[in-house]
């Protein structure tokens, strides 16, 4: 009887240790939710059309100019580097260039935890140009998914 109890305890301990190590690694999060809208795990993706293939994808901080209709954050859970802060701009015939900013949570399999994508809808045939993506920590309660900069 003591041997059975020991074997059961050892198996339970091993399973808990495995669960703890898998739950804390980025690769485990990627394995749980491998792709969001065609965006590879650990990347932020920009889409210029409504297909499931990203126009561009970035694993690190980026700045430049890319026209986009949508941004998806498929980062994996990692403290202080799994949320995306972005800047974008859009031309307005009455106001000139209007600057925007936003913060996106990383994608989760059950859609919990915050918004991980944003649609950048064009108006009057003028679309958005994304100008930077920066990985960082949690979005603050005052940061919105899309707002004027």
N, C-alpha and C. Protein backbone atom coordinates (compact mmCIF):
# COMPACT_ATOMS: atom_id res chain seq x y z
N UNK A 1 0.80 -1.21 0.00
CA UNK A 1 0.00 0.00 0.00
C UNK A 1 0.85 1.27 0.00
N UNK A 2 1.91 1.38 0.82
CA UNK A 2 2.73 2.58 0.80
C UNK A 2 3.38 2.81 -0.56
N UNK A 3 3.74 1.76 -1.29
CA UNK A 3 4.37 1.93 -2.60
C UNK A 3 3.38 2.55 -3.58
N UNK A 4 2.12 2.10 -3.58
CA UNK A 4 1.10 2.69 -4.45
C UNK A 4 0.89 4.16 -4.14
N UNK A 5 0.82 4.48 -2.88
CA UNK A 5 0.61 5.87 -2.47
C UNK A 5 1.78 6.72 -2.94
N UNK A 6 3.02 6.22 -2.80
CA UNK A 6 4.20 6.95 -3.22
C UNK A 6 4.19 7.15 -4.74
N UNK A 7 3.84 6.10 -5.50
CA UNK A 7 3.81 6.19 -6.96
C UNK A 7 2.76 7.20 -7.42
N UNK A 8 1.60 7.19 -6.78
CA UNK A 8 0.56 8.16 -7.13
C UNK A 8 0.99 9.58 -6.82
N UNK A 9 1.63 9.78 -5.69
CA UNK A 9 2.12 11.10 -5.29
C UNK A 9 3.21 11.57 -6.26
N UNK A 10 4.10 10.68 -6.64
CA UNK A 10 5.17 11.02 -7.57
C UNK A 10 4.60 11.41 -8.93
N UNK A 11 3.61 10.67 -9.41
CA UNK A 11 3.00 10.98 -10.71
C UNK A 11 2.29 12.33 -10.67
N UNK A 12 1.59 12.60 -9.58
CA UNK A 12 0.90 13.88 -9.44
C UNK A 12 1.90 15.02 -9.40
N UNK A 13 2.98 14.86 -8.65
CA UNK A 13 4.01 15.89 -8.56
C UNK A 13 4.65 16.15 -9.91
N UNK A 14 4.93 15.09 -10.66
CA UNK A 14 5.54 15.23 -11.98
C UNK A 14 4.60 15.97 -12.93
N UNK A 15 3.31 15.63 -12.88
CA UNK A 15 2.33 16.31 -13.74
C UNK A 15 2.23 17.78 -13.40
N UNK A 16 2.22 18.12 -12.12
CA UNK A 16 2.15 19.52 -11.71
C UNK A 16 3.40 20.28 -12.12
N UNK A 17 4.56 19.66 -11.99
CA UNK A 17 5.81 20.30 -12.40
C UNK A 17 5.81 20.55 -13.90
N UNK A 18 5.34 19.58 -14.68
CA UNK A 18 5.27 19.75 -16.12
C UNK A 18 4.31 20.87 -16.48
N UNK A 19 3.14 20.89 -15.85
CA UNK A 19 2.16 21.94 -16.12
C UNK A 19 2.73 23.31 -15.77
N UNK A 20 3.42 23.44 -14.66
CA UNK A 20 4.00 24.72 -14.25
C UNK A 20 5.04 25.19 -15.25
N UNK A 21 5.89 24.28 -15.73
CA UNK A 21 6.93 24.70 -16.67
C UNK A 21 6.34 25.03 -18.04
N UNK A 22 5.36 24.28 -18.50
CA UNK A 22 4.73 24.57 -19.78
C UNK A 22 3.94 25.87 -19.71
N UNK A 23 3.28 26.11 -18.61
CA UNK A 23 2.47 27.32 -18.47
C UNK A 23 3.28 28.59 -18.42
N UNK A 24 4.57 28.52 -18.16
CA UNK A 24 5.36 29.73 -18.01
C UNK A 24 6.26 30.03 -19.20
N UNK A 25 6.19 29.25 -20.27
CA UNK A 25 7.06 29.49 -21.41
C UNK A 25 6.28 30.05 -22.57
N UNK A 26 6.96 30.88 -23.37
CA UNK A 26 6.33 31.44 -24.55
C UNK A 26 5.95 30.37 -25.56
N UNK A 27 6.76 29.32 -25.70
CA UNK A 27 6.46 28.30 -26.69
C UNK A 27 5.20 27.54 -26.34
N UNK A 28 4.92 27.38 -25.07
CA UNK A 28 3.69 26.69 -24.68
C UNK A 28 2.48 27.53 -25.06
N UNK A 29 2.55 28.84 -24.87
CA UNK A 29 1.44 29.71 -25.25
C UNK A 29 1.24 29.66 -26.75
N UNK A 30 2.34 29.61 -27.50
CA UNK A 30 2.22 29.53 -28.94
C UNK A 30 1.59 28.21 -29.36
N UNK A 31 1.91 27.13 -28.67
CA UNK A 31 1.34 25.83 -29.01
C UNK A 31 -0.15 25.79 -28.72
N UNK A 32 -0.59 26.50 -27.70
CA UNK A 32 -2.01 26.52 -27.36
C UNK A 32 -2.80 27.30 -28.41
N UNK A 33 -2.27 28.40 -28.90
CA UNK A 33 -2.97 29.25 -29.85
C UNK A 33 -2.03 29.57 -31.00
N UNK A 34 -1.86 28.67 -31.96
CA UNK A 34 -0.80 28.78 -32.94
C UNK A 34 -0.92 29.92 -33.95
N UNK A 35 -2.11 30.35 -34.30
CA UNK A 35 -2.22 31.36 -35.34
C UNK A 35 -3.49 32.18 -35.15
N UNK A 36 -3.36 33.47 -35.31
CA UNK A 36 -4.50 34.37 -35.24
C UNK A 36 -4.56 35.12 -36.56
N UNK A 37 -5.59 34.92 -37.33
CA UNK A 37 -5.74 35.58 -38.62
C UNK A 37 -4.51 35.41 -39.50
N UNK A 38 -3.89 34.22 -39.45
CA UNK A 38 -2.71 33.95 -40.26
C UNK A 38 -1.43 34.56 -39.70
N UNK A 39 -1.50 35.15 -38.54
CA UNK A 39 -0.35 35.81 -37.91
C UNK A 39 0.38 34.79 -37.02
N UNK A 40 1.67 34.59 -37.28
CA UNK A 40 2.45 33.61 -36.54
C UNK A 40 2.59 34.00 -35.07
N UNK A 41 2.72 33.03 -34.17
CA UNK A 41 2.89 33.32 -32.75
C UNK A 41 4.11 34.20 -32.50
N UNK A 42 3.97 35.14 -31.58
CA UNK A 42 5.08 36.03 -31.22
C UNK A 42 5.23 37.23 -32.13
N UNK A 43 4.29 37.43 -33.05
CA UNK A 43 4.41 38.54 -34.00
C UNK A 43 3.22 39.49 -33.93
N UNK A 44 3.45 40.69 -34.38
CA UNK A 44 2.38 41.65 -34.64
C UNK A 44 2.27 41.72 -36.16
N UNK A 45 1.05 41.69 -36.67
CA UNK A 45 0.85 41.64 -38.12
C UNK A 45 -0.01 42.79 -38.61
N UNK A 46 0.32 43.26 -39.79
CA UNK A 46 -0.44 44.31 -40.47
C UNK A 46 -1.09 43.70 -41.70
N UNK A 47 -2.32 44.13 -41.96
CA UNK A 47 -3.09 43.59 -43.09
C UNK A 47 -3.54 44.76 -43.97
N UNK A 48 -3.30 44.60 -45.27
CA UNK A 48 -3.75 45.63 -46.20
C UNK A 48 -5.04 45.23 -46.91
N UNK A 49 -5.45 43.96 -46.78
CA UNK A 49 -6.71 43.53 -47.36
C UNK A 49 -7.36 42.53 -46.41
N UNK A 50 -8.47 41.98 -46.80
CA UNK A 50 -9.24 41.14 -45.88
C UNK A 50 -8.87 39.66 -45.97
N UNK A 51 -7.75 39.32 -46.57
CA UNK A 51 -7.36 37.92 -46.65
C UNK A 51 -6.77 37.47 -45.32
N UNK A 52 -6.50 36.18 -45.22
CA UNK A 52 -5.96 35.66 -43.97
C UNK A 52 -4.43 35.68 -43.95
N UNK A 53 -3.82 36.32 -44.92
CA UNK A 53 -2.36 36.42 -44.95
C UNK A 53 -1.94 37.85 -44.63
N UNK A 54 -1.07 38.02 -43.62
CA UNK A 54 -0.63 39.37 -43.28
C UNK A 54 0.20 39.99 -44.41
N UNK A 55 0.09 41.30 -44.58
CA UNK A 55 0.93 42.03 -45.53
C UNK A 55 2.35 42.12 -44.99
N UNK A 56 2.45 42.34 -43.67
CA UNK A 56 3.74 42.45 -42.99
C UNK A 56 3.60 41.90 -41.58
N UNK A 57 4.71 41.38 -41.03
CA UNK A 57 4.70 40.92 -39.65
C UNK A 57 6.02 41.26 -38.99
N UNK A 58 5.96 41.59 -37.71
CA UNK A 58 7.14 42.00 -36.98
C UNK A 58 7.21 41.29 -35.63
N UNK A 59 8.39 40.81 -35.27
CA UNK A 59 8.58 40.17 -33.97
C UNK A 59 9.19 41.15 -32.97
N UNK A 60 9.74 42.23 -33.43
CA UNK A 60 10.37 43.21 -32.55
C UNK A 60 9.82 44.60 -32.80
N UNK A 61 10.36 45.58 -32.09
CA UNK A 61 9.93 46.96 -32.29
C UNK A 61 10.23 47.36 -33.73
N UNK A 62 9.38 48.23 -34.27
CA UNK A 62 9.50 48.62 -35.67
C UNK A 62 9.03 50.06 -35.83
N UNK A 63 9.64 50.78 -36.77
CA UNK A 63 9.11 52.08 -37.19
C UNK A 63 9.35 52.21 -38.69
N UNK A 64 8.46 52.93 -39.34
CA UNK A 64 8.50 53.11 -40.79
C UNK A 64 7.16 53.62 -41.26
N UNK A 65 6.73 53.20 -42.44
CA UNK A 65 5.44 53.64 -42.99
C UNK A 65 4.86 52.49 -43.80
N UNK A 66 3.76 51.91 -43.30
CA UNK A 66 3.07 50.83 -44.02
C UNK A 66 1.57 51.09 -43.97
N UNK A 67 0.94 51.11 -45.15
CA UNK A 67 -0.51 51.25 -45.21
C UNK A 67 -1.15 49.98 -44.66
N UNK A 68 -2.20 50.14 -43.86
CA UNK A 68 -2.80 48.98 -43.21
C UNK A 68 -4.28 49.21 -42.92
N UNK A 69 -5.05 48.11 -42.99
CA UNK A 69 -6.46 48.13 -42.62
C UNK A 69 -6.71 47.48 -41.27
N UNK A 70 -5.71 46.73 -40.77
CA UNK A 70 -5.88 46.03 -39.49
C UNK A 70 -4.52 45.71 -38.89
N UNK A 71 -4.46 45.75 -37.54
CA UNK A 71 -3.28 45.31 -36.79
C UNK A 71 -3.74 44.18 -35.87
N UNK A 72 -2.98 43.08 -35.83
CA UNK A 72 -3.25 41.96 -34.93
C UNK A 72 -2.01 41.71 -34.09
N UNK A 73 -2.19 41.61 -32.77
CA UNK A 73 -1.10 41.26 -31.87
C UNK A 73 -1.23 39.78 -31.51
N UNK A 74 -0.36 38.94 -32.07
CA UNK A 74 -0.34 37.53 -31.72
C UNK A 74 0.90 37.21 -30.89
N UNK A 75 1.25 38.16 -30.01
CA UNK A 75 2.37 37.92 -29.10
C UNK A 75 2.01 36.83 -28.10
N UNK A 76 3.01 36.29 -27.46
CA UNK A 76 2.80 35.26 -26.45
C UNK A 76 3.03 35.88 -25.07
N UNK A 77 2.39 35.31 -24.07
CA UNK A 77 2.47 35.85 -22.71
C UNK A 77 3.91 35.92 -22.25
N UNK A 78 4.38 37.14 -22.01
CA UNK A 78 5.72 37.38 -21.53
C UNK A 78 5.72 38.72 -20.82
N UNK A 79 6.03 38.75 -19.54
CA UNK A 79 5.93 40.00 -18.77
C UNK A 79 6.68 41.16 -19.43
N UNK A 80 6.02 42.29 -19.51
CA UNK A 80 6.56 43.55 -20.00
C UNK A 80 6.93 43.56 -21.48
N UNK A 81 6.49 42.56 -22.24
CA UNK A 81 6.78 42.59 -23.67
C UNK A 81 5.77 41.82 -24.52
N UNK A 82 4.51 41.77 -24.08
CA UNK A 82 3.52 41.04 -24.87
C UNK A 82 2.36 41.91 -25.35
N UNK A 83 2.42 43.20 -25.09
CA UNK A 83 1.40 44.12 -25.59
C UNK A 83 2.05 45.03 -26.63
N UNK A 84 1.24 45.52 -27.55
CA UNK A 84 1.74 46.38 -28.63
C UNK A 84 1.17 47.78 -28.47
N UNK A 85 2.05 48.75 -28.48
CA UNK A 85 1.63 50.15 -28.60
C UNK A 85 1.99 50.57 -30.02
N UNK A 86 1.05 51.20 -30.69
CA UNK A 86 1.29 51.57 -32.08
C UNK A 86 0.94 53.02 -32.31
N UNK A 87 1.53 53.57 -33.36
CA UNK A 87 1.17 54.90 -33.84
C UNK A 87 0.80 54.76 -35.31
N UNK A 88 -0.12 55.61 -35.74
CA UNK A 88 -0.58 55.59 -37.12
C UNK A 88 -1.03 57.00 -37.49
N UNK A 89 -1.23 57.20 -38.76
CA UNK A 89 -1.75 58.50 -39.21
C UNK A 89 -2.65 58.29 -40.41
N UNK A 90 -3.50 59.27 -40.61
CA UNK A 90 -4.45 59.22 -41.73
C UNK A 90 -4.60 60.64 -42.25
N UNK A 91 -4.63 60.77 -43.56
CA UNK A 91 -4.80 62.08 -44.18
C UNK A 91 -6.27 62.45 -44.18
N UNK A 92 -6.53 63.69 -43.86
CA UNK A 92 -7.88 64.24 -43.95
C UNK A 92 -7.83 65.48 -44.84
N UNK A 93 -8.72 65.58 -45.84
CA UNK A 93 -8.68 66.74 -46.72
C UNK A 93 -8.96 68.06 -45.98
N UNK A 94 -9.63 67.98 -44.85
CA UNK A 94 -9.93 69.22 -44.11
C UNK A 94 -8.92 69.51 -42.99
N UNK A 95 -8.29 68.46 -42.43
CA UNK A 95 -7.40 68.65 -41.29
C UNK A 95 -5.94 68.35 -41.58
N UNK A 96 -5.64 67.82 -42.75
CA UNK A 96 -4.28 67.39 -43.05
C UNK A 96 -4.02 66.02 -42.44
N UNK A 97 -2.82 65.81 -41.95
CA UNK A 97 -2.46 64.51 -41.36
C UNK A 97 -2.95 64.47 -39.92
N UNK A 98 -3.74 63.44 -39.60
CA UNK A 98 -4.27 63.24 -38.24
C UNK A 98 -3.54 62.05 -37.65
N UNK A 99 -2.96 62.23 -36.44
CA UNK A 99 -2.18 61.17 -35.80
C UNK A 99 -3.03 60.40 -34.80
N UNK A 100 -2.79 59.08 -34.75
CA UNK A 100 -3.50 58.17 -33.86
C UNK A 100 -2.50 57.34 -33.08
N UNK A 101 -2.98 56.73 -32.01
CA UNK A 101 -2.18 55.79 -31.24
C UNK A 101 -3.12 54.75 -30.64
N UNK A 102 -2.54 53.64 -30.14
CA UNK A 102 -3.36 52.62 -29.51
C UNK A 102 -2.51 51.59 -28.79
N UNK A 103 -3.19 50.73 -28.02
CA UNK A 103 -2.53 49.66 -27.29
C UNK A 103 -3.35 48.39 -27.46
N UNK A 104 -2.67 47.29 -27.81
CA UNK A 104 -3.34 46.01 -28.04
C UNK A 104 -2.78 44.94 -27.13
N UNK A 105 -3.69 44.18 -26.50
CA UNK A 105 -3.35 43.01 -25.70
C UNK A 105 -2.92 41.90 -26.64
N UNK A 106 -2.28 40.86 -26.14
CA UNK A 106 -1.96 39.70 -26.98
C UNK A 106 -3.18 38.80 -27.08
N UNK A 107 -3.24 38.00 -28.15
CA UNK A 107 -4.39 37.13 -28.40
C UNK A 107 -4.41 35.96 -27.43
N UNK A 108 -5.59 35.63 -26.94
CA UNK A 108 -5.79 34.46 -26.09
C UNK A 108 -6.79 33.54 -26.77
N UNK A 109 -6.71 32.23 -26.51
CA UNK A 109 -7.59 31.29 -27.21
C UNK A 109 -9.07 31.50 -26.94
N UNK A 110 -9.42 32.04 -25.80
CA UNK A 110 -10.84 32.21 -25.48
C UNK A 110 -11.30 33.66 -25.64
N UNK A 111 -10.48 34.48 -26.29
CA UNK A 111 -10.78 35.90 -26.53
C UNK A 111 -10.90 36.71 -25.25
N UNK A 112 -10.39 36.21 -24.15
CA UNK A 112 -10.39 36.95 -22.88
C UNK A 112 -9.13 37.81 -22.80
N UNK A 113 -9.11 38.73 -21.88
CA UNK A 113 -7.89 39.46 -21.59
C UNK A 113 -7.70 40.76 -22.32
N UNK A 114 -8.59 41.16 -23.15
CA UNK A 114 -8.44 42.45 -23.82
C UNK A 114 -8.44 42.31 -25.33
N UNK A 115 -8.52 43.43 -25.99
CA UNK A 115 -8.61 43.44 -27.44
C UNK A 115 -7.22 43.27 -28.05
N UNK A 116 -7.09 42.32 -28.96
CA UNK A 116 -5.81 42.00 -29.57
C UNK A 116 -5.72 42.45 -31.03
N UNK A 117 -6.79 43.03 -31.57
CA UNK A 117 -6.74 43.53 -32.95
C UNK A 117 -7.53 44.82 -33.06
N UNK A 118 -7.19 45.58 -34.07
CA UNK A 118 -7.91 46.83 -34.32
C UNK A 118 -8.09 46.97 -35.82
N UNK A 119 -9.30 47.38 -36.22
CA UNK A 119 -9.58 47.67 -37.61
C UNK A 119 -9.30 49.15 -37.84
N UNK A 120 -8.56 49.45 -38.89
CA UNK A 120 -8.21 50.83 -39.25
C UNK A 120 -9.02 51.19 -40.48
N UNK A 121 -10.23 51.64 -40.24
CA UNK A 121 -11.18 51.86 -41.33
C UNK A 121 -10.88 53.16 -42.06
N UNK A 122 -10.78 53.07 -43.39
CA UNK A 122 -10.56 54.29 -44.17
C UNK A 122 -11.82 55.14 -44.22
N UNK A 123 -11.63 56.43 -44.38
CA UNK A 123 -12.77 57.35 -44.59
C UNK A 123 -12.46 58.20 -45.81
N UNK A 124 -13.46 58.42 -46.62
CA UNK A 124 -13.31 59.24 -47.82
C UNK A 124 -12.12 58.79 -48.67
N UNK A 125 -11.93 57.48 -48.79
CA UNK A 125 -10.85 56.88 -49.57
C UNK A 125 -9.46 57.11 -48.99
N UNK A 126 -9.36 57.64 -47.80
CA UNK A 126 -8.06 57.84 -47.17
C UNK A 126 -7.89 56.80 -46.07
N UNK A 127 -6.84 55.99 -46.20
CA UNK A 127 -6.60 54.94 -45.23
C UNK A 127 -5.51 55.30 -44.24
N UNK A 128 -5.25 54.38 -43.34
CA UNK A 128 -4.24 54.57 -42.30
C UNK A 128 -2.86 54.14 -42.78
N UNK A 129 -1.86 54.83 -42.27
CA UNK A 129 -0.47 54.43 -42.43
C UNK A 129 0.06 54.18 -41.03
N UNK A 130 0.47 52.95 -40.75
CA UNK A 130 1.05 52.61 -39.45
C UNK A 130 2.50 53.10 -39.46
N UNK A 131 2.91 53.78 -38.38
CA UNK A 131 4.25 54.37 -38.34
C UNK A 131 5.16 53.75 -37.28
N UNK A 132 4.60 53.03 -36.30
CA UNK A 132 5.46 52.34 -35.33
C UNK A 132 4.68 51.27 -34.58
N UNK A 133 5.40 50.24 -34.17
CA UNK A 133 4.90 49.18 -33.29
C UNK A 133 5.96 48.99 -32.20
N UNK A 134 5.54 49.06 -30.95
CA UNK A 134 6.48 48.91 -29.83
C UNK A 134 5.93 47.91 -28.84
N UNK A 135 6.71 46.86 -28.55
CA UNK A 135 6.31 45.84 -27.59
C UNK A 135 6.53 46.38 -26.18
N UNK A 136 5.60 46.07 -25.26
CA UNK A 136 5.75 46.52 -23.88
C UNK A 136 4.81 45.78 -22.95
N UNK A 137 4.66 46.34 -21.75
CA UNK A 137 3.83 45.73 -20.72
C UNK A 137 2.35 46.04 -20.90
N UNK A 138 1.59 45.71 -19.88
CA UNK A 138 0.13 45.86 -19.88
C UNK A 138 -0.32 47.23 -20.38
N UNK A 139 -1.42 47.24 -21.12
CA UNK A 139 -2.05 48.49 -21.51
C UNK A 139 -2.62 49.13 -20.25
N UNK A 140 -2.41 50.42 -20.09
CA UNK A 140 -2.95 51.13 -18.93
C UNK A 140 -4.44 51.33 -19.13
N UNK A 141 -5.15 51.53 -18.03
CA UNK A 141 -6.61 51.72 -18.11
C UNK A 141 -6.96 52.98 -18.92
N UNK A 142 -6.04 53.92 -19.03
CA UNK A 142 -6.31 55.14 -19.79
C UNK A 142 -5.99 55.00 -21.27
N UNK A 143 -5.31 53.91 -21.66
CA UNK A 143 -4.97 53.70 -23.06
C UNK A 143 -6.12 53.00 -23.77
N UNK A 144 -6.43 53.46 -24.95
CA UNK A 144 -7.51 52.87 -25.74
C UNK A 144 -6.92 52.07 -26.91
N UNK A 145 -7.77 51.30 -27.54
CA UNK A 145 -7.35 50.50 -28.69
C UNK A 145 -7.00 51.42 -29.86
N UNK A 146 -7.75 52.49 -30.04
CA UNK A 146 -7.47 53.48 -31.09
C UNK A 146 -7.99 54.83 -30.61
N UNK A 147 -7.10 55.83 -30.60
CA UNK A 147 -7.48 57.17 -30.17
C UNK A 147 -6.60 58.19 -30.87
N UNK A 148 -7.02 59.45 -30.82
CA UNK A 148 -6.19 60.52 -31.37
C UNK A 148 -4.93 60.65 -30.52
N UNK A 149 -3.82 60.90 -31.19
CA UNK A 149 -2.54 61.04 -30.48
C UNK A 149 -2.35 62.48 -30.03
